[in-house]
C-alpha atoms as a PDB file:
ATOM      1  CA  MET A   1      56.300 140.762 -68.133  1.00  0.00           C
ATOM      2  CA  GLU A   2      52.850 142.327 -68.389  1.00  0.00           C
ATOM      3  CA  LYS A   3      51.062 141.778 -71.721  1.00  0.00           C
ATOM      4  CA  GLN A   4      50.843 145.485 -72.520  1.00  0.00           C
ATOM      5  CA  ILE A   5      54.606 145.939 -72.197  1.00  0.00           C
ATOM      6  CA  TYR A   6      55.231 143.721 -75.248  1.00  0.00           C
ATOM      7  CA  HIS A   7      52.925 145.911 -77.317  1.00  0.00           C
ATOM      8  CA  ASP A   8      54.524 149.084 -75.958  1.00  0.00           C
ATOM      9  CA  LEU A   9      57.992 147.768 -76.850  1.00  0.00           C
ATOM     10  CA  ALA A  10      56.848 146.851 -80.339  1.00  0.00           C
ATOM     11  CA  LYS A  11      55.195 150.237 -80.865  1.00  0.00           C
ATOM     12  CA  ALA A  12      58.255 152.158 -79.656  1.00  0.00           C
ATOM     13  CA  GLY A  13      60.625 150.082 -81.768  1.00  0.00           C
ATOM     14  CA  ASN A  14      64.003 151.661 -82.355  1.00  0.00           C
ATOM     15  CA  ARG A  15      62.704 155.145 -81.574  1.00  0.00           C
ATOM     16  CA  TYR A  16      63.034 154.393 -77.858  1.00  0.00           C
ATOM     17  CA  TRP A  17      66.545 155.225 -76.553  1.00  0.00           C
ATOM     18  CA  TRP A  18      66.776 152.019 -74.507  1.00  0.00           C
ATOM     19  CA  ASN A  19      66.054 149.878 -77.556  1.00  0.00           C
ATOM     20  CA  GLN A  20      68.554 151.862 -79.623  1.00  0.00           C
ATOM     21  CA  GLY A  21      71.271 151.344 -77.014  1.00  0.00           C
ATOM     22  CA  ARG A  22      70.558 147.645 -76.600  1.00  0.00           C
ATOM     23  CA  GLN A  23      70.612 146.992 -80.354  1.00  0.00           C
ATOM     24  CA  TYR A  24      73.800 149.047 -80.716  1.00  0.00           C
ATOM     25  CA  LEU A  25      75.484 146.831 -78.108  1.00  0.00           C
ATOM     26  CA  VAL A  26      74.177 143.650 -79.744  1.00  0.00           C
ATOM     27  CA  LYS A  27      75.545 144.771 -83.130  1.00  0.00           C
ATOM     28  CA  LYS A  28      78.935 145.690 -81.643  1.00  0.00           C
ATOM     29  CA  LEU A  29      79.262 142.373 -79.805  1.00  0.00           C
ATOM     30  CA  PHE A  30      78.265 140.376 -82.863  1.00  0.00           C
ATOM     31  CA  ALA A  31      80.648 142.331 -85.067  1.00  0.00           C
ATOM     32  CA  GLN A  32      83.460 141.549 -82.630  1.00  0.00           C
ATOM     33  CA  PHE A  33      82.673 137.915 -81.829  1.00  0.00           C
ATOM     34  CA  ALA A  34      80.712 136.684 -84.857  1.00  0.00           C
ATOM     35  CA  GLY A  35      82.989 137.867 -87.622  1.00  0.00           C
ATOM     36  CA  GLY A  36      82.597 141.282 -89.185  1.00  0.00           C
ATOM     37  CA  GLN A  37      79.512 143.426 -89.623  1.00  0.00           C
ATOM     38  CA  GLN A  38      76.978 141.083 -91.143  1.00  0.00           C
ATOM     39  CA  SER A  39      78.867 137.972 -92.087  1.00  0.00           C
ATOM     40  CA  THR A  40      78.251 135.915 -95.207  1.00  0.00           C
ATOM     41  CA  VAL A  41      78.621 132.842 -92.992  1.00  0.00           C
ATOM     42  CA  LYS A  42      75.071 131.918 -92.064  1.00  0.00           C
ATOM     43  CA  ARG A  43      74.825 130.781 -88.480  1.00  0.00           C
ATOM     44  CA  ARG A  44      71.911 129.371 -86.510  1.00  0.00           C
ATOM     45  CA  ILE A  45      71.150 131.887 -83.738  1.00  0.00           C
ATOM     46  CA  LEU A  46      68.780 131.564 -80.776  1.00  0.00           C
ATOM     47  CA  ASP A  47      67.459 134.663 -79.012  1.00  0.00           C
ATOM     48  CA  ILE A  48      66.109 133.651 -75.608  1.00  0.00           C
ATOM     49  CA  GLY A  49      63.475 136.042 -74.299  1.00  0.00           C
ATOM     50  CA  CYS A  50      62.782 137.433 -77.761  1.00  0.00           C
ATOM     51  CA  ALA A  51      59.929 139.672 -76.464  1.00  0.00           C
ATOM     52  CA  ALA A  52      58.704 141.992 -79.239  1.00  0.00           C
ATOM     53  CA  GLY A  53      61.398 140.831 -81.681  1.00  0.00           C
ATOM     54  CA  GLY A  54      63.823 143.757 -81.750  1.00  0.00           C
ATOM     55  CA  THR A  55      66.919 141.632 -81.219  1.00  0.00           C
ATOM     56  CA  LEU A  56      65.674 138.996 -83.683  1.00  0.00           C
ATOM     57  CA  TYR A  57      65.428 141.724 -86.304  1.00  0.00           C
ATOM     58  CA  THR A  58      68.939 142.980 -85.487  1.00  0.00           C
ATOM     59  CA  LEU A  59      70.436 139.473 -85.611  1.00  0.00           C
ATOM     60  CA  ALA A  60      68.811 138.414 -88.882  1.00  0.00           C
ATOM     61  CA  GLY A  61      71.803 139.646 -90.895  1.00  0.00           C
ATOM     62  CA  TRP A  62      74.114 137.216 -89.121  1.00  0.00           C
ATOM     63  CA  GLY A  63      72.178 134.049 -89.795  1.00  0.00           C
ATOM     64  CA  GLU A  64      69.002 132.060 -89.316  1.00  0.00           C
ATOM     65  CA  VAL A  65      67.353 133.473 -86.207  1.00  0.00           C
ATOM     66  CA  TRP A  66      65.182 131.546 -83.777  1.00  0.00           C
ATOM     67  CA  GLY A  67      63.219 133.069 -80.920  1.00  0.00           C
ATOM     68  CA  LEU A  68      62.204 131.576 -77.573  1.00  0.00           C
ATOM     69  CA  ASP A  69      59.895 133.296 -75.127  1.00  0.00           C
ATOM     70  CA  ILE A  70      57.726 132.182 -72.231  1.00  0.00           C
ATOM     71  CA  SER A  71      54.976 134.611 -73.253  1.00  0.00           C
ATOM     72  CA  PRO A  72      52.361 133.727 -75.878  1.00  0.00           C
ATOM     73  CA  GLU A  73      51.888 137.483 -76.437  1.00  0.00           C
ATOM     74  CA  ALA A  74      55.559 137.926 -77.348  1.00  0.00           C
ATOM     75  CA  ILE A  75      55.503 135.000 -79.779  1.00  0.00           C
ATOM     76  CA  ALA A  76      52.295 136.297 -81.398  1.00  0.00           C
ATOM     77  CA  LEU A  77      53.807 139.780 -81.798  1.00  0.00           C
ATOM     78  CA  CYS A  78      56.930 138.418 -83.472  1.00  0.00           C
ATOM     79  CA  ARG A  79      54.785 136.277 -85.785  1.00  0.00           C
ATOM     80  CA  SER A  80      52.634 139.260 -86.717  1.00  0.00           C
ATOM     81  CA  TRP A  81      55.767 141.144 -87.786  1.00  0.00           C
ATOM     82  CA  GLY A  82      56.982 138.171 -89.816  1.00  0.00           C
ATOM     83  CA  ILE A  83      60.192 137.928 -87.780  1.00  0.00           C
ATOM     84  CA  ALA A  84      61.469 134.335 -87.739  1.00  0.00           C
ATOM     85  CA  LYS A  85      57.839 133.399 -88.330  1.00  0.00           C
ATOM     86  CA  ASN A  86      58.306 129.617 -88.419  1.00  0.00           C
ATOM     87  CA  ARG A  87      61.195 129.607 -85.959  1.00  0.00           C
ATOM     88  CA  LEU A  88      59.474 130.987 -82.859  1.00  0.00           C
ATOM     89  CA  VAL A  89      59.060 128.711 -79.863  1.00  0.00           C
ATOM     90  CA  LEU A  90      56.906 129.193 -76.804  1.00  0.00           C
ATOM     91  CA  GLY A  91      59.090 127.870 -74.022  1.00  0.00           C
ATOM     92  CA  ASP A  92      61.163 128.274 -70.891  1.00  0.00           C
ATOM     93  CA  ALA A  93      64.875 129.147 -70.883  1.00  0.00           C
ATOM     94  CA  GLU A  94      65.375 126.735 -67.982  1.00  0.00           C
ATOM     95  CA  LYS A  95      63.846 123.796 -69.905  1.00  0.00           C
ATOM     96  CA  MET A  96      64.716 123.902 -73.607  1.00  0.00           C
ATOM     97  CA  ALA A  97      64.016 120.248 -74.421  1.00  0.00           C
ATOM     98  CA  CYS A  98      62.507 121.444 -77.712  1.00  0.00           C
ATOM     99  CA  PHE A  99      66.064 122.052 -78.978  1.00  0.00           C
ATOM    100  CA  SER A 100      68.621 119.327 -79.522  1.00  0.00           C
ATOM    101  CA  LYS A 101      72.155 119.351 -78.165  1.00  0.00           C
ATOM    102  CA  ASP A 102      74.653 121.368 -80.240  1.00  0.00           C
ATOM    103  CA  ARG A 103      71.879 123.013 -82.279  1.00  0.00           C
ATOM    104  CA  PHE A 104      72.966 126.678 -82.309  1.00  0.00           C
ATOM    105  CA  ASP A 105      76.120 128.547 -83.244  1.00  0.00           C
ATOM    106  CA  LEU A 106      75.190 131.578 -81.128  1.00  0.00           C
ATOM    107  CA  VAL A 107      72.739 132.195 -78.287  1.00  0.00           C
ATOM    108  CA  THR A 108      71.634 135.529 -76.865  1.00  0.00           C
ATOM    109  CA  ALA A 109      69.772 136.135 -73.624  1.00  0.00           C
ATOM    110  CA  VAL A 110      69.521 139.924 -73.520  1.00  0.00           C
ATOM    111  CA  GLU A 111      68.042 141.270 -70.286  1.00  0.00           C
ATOM    112  CA  ILE A 112      66.535 137.975 -69.110  1.00  0.00           C
ATOM    113  CA  ILE A 113      69.019 136.075 -66.921  1.00  0.00           C
ATOM    114  CA  GLU A 114      68.375 138.360 -63.944  1.00  0.00           C
ATOM    115  CA  HIS A 115      64.634 137.629 -64.150  1.00  0.00           C
ATOM    116  CA  LEU A 116      64.865 133.828 -64.015  1.00  0.00           C
ATOM    117  CA  ASP A 117      64.074 131.717 -60.960  1.00  0.00           C
ATOM    118  CA  ASN A 118      67.062 129.463 -61.630  1.00  0.00           C
ATOM    119  CA  PRO A 119      69.616 131.182 -63.887  1.00  0.00           C
ATOM    120  CA  GLY A 120      72.084 128.313 -63.426  1.00  0.00           C
ATOM    121  CA  LYS A 121      69.628 125.941 -65.082  1.00  0.00           C
ATOM    122  CA  ALA A 122      69.166 128.326 -67.984  1.00  0.00           C
ATOM    123  CA  LEU A 123      72.929 128.702 -68.422  1.00  0.00           C
ATOM    124  CA  ALA A 124      73.300 124.896 -68.425  1.00  0.00           C
ATOM    125  CA  GLU A 125      70.616 124.693 -71.108  1.00  0.00           C
ATOM    126  CA  ILE A 126      72.370 127.392 -73.156  1.00  0.00           C
ATOM    127  CA  LYS A 127      75.604 125.427 -72.922  1.00  0.00           C
ATOM    128  CA  ARG A 128      73.785 122.258 -74.016  1.00  0.00           C
ATOM    129  CA  VAL A 129      72.215 123.790 -77.126  1.00  0.00           C
ATOM    130  CA  LEU A 130      75.402 125.603 -78.225  1.00  0.00           C
ATOM    131  CA  LYS A 131      77.748 123.873 -80.674  1.00  0.00           C
END
């Protein structure tokens, strides 16, 4: 993604209809599959392709959120907001050696799979890092 797009996404935040819709769907799916609205059970959650941090912010109520993005600009933006500040990793969804096997309870990859060179590799990595 172009550098400016991360800043545009961050600036628009939840005022942008696309972001509102995406976060609505994330909340609904988590409520259905992760136990209630914002569960008291604290899970370890990885958001792959965290971009400007919108999904990290949405997921924070369900557990300890981690973010992975291939863009230094995205990681810097998330850090500047204070979102998962010490749990942001610059890395590739197809090569997540930085995370051990069975590390996360939940993994999201919102709007990124279709952009990967080898989505099968990324899905294998997701499977590896999931408990």
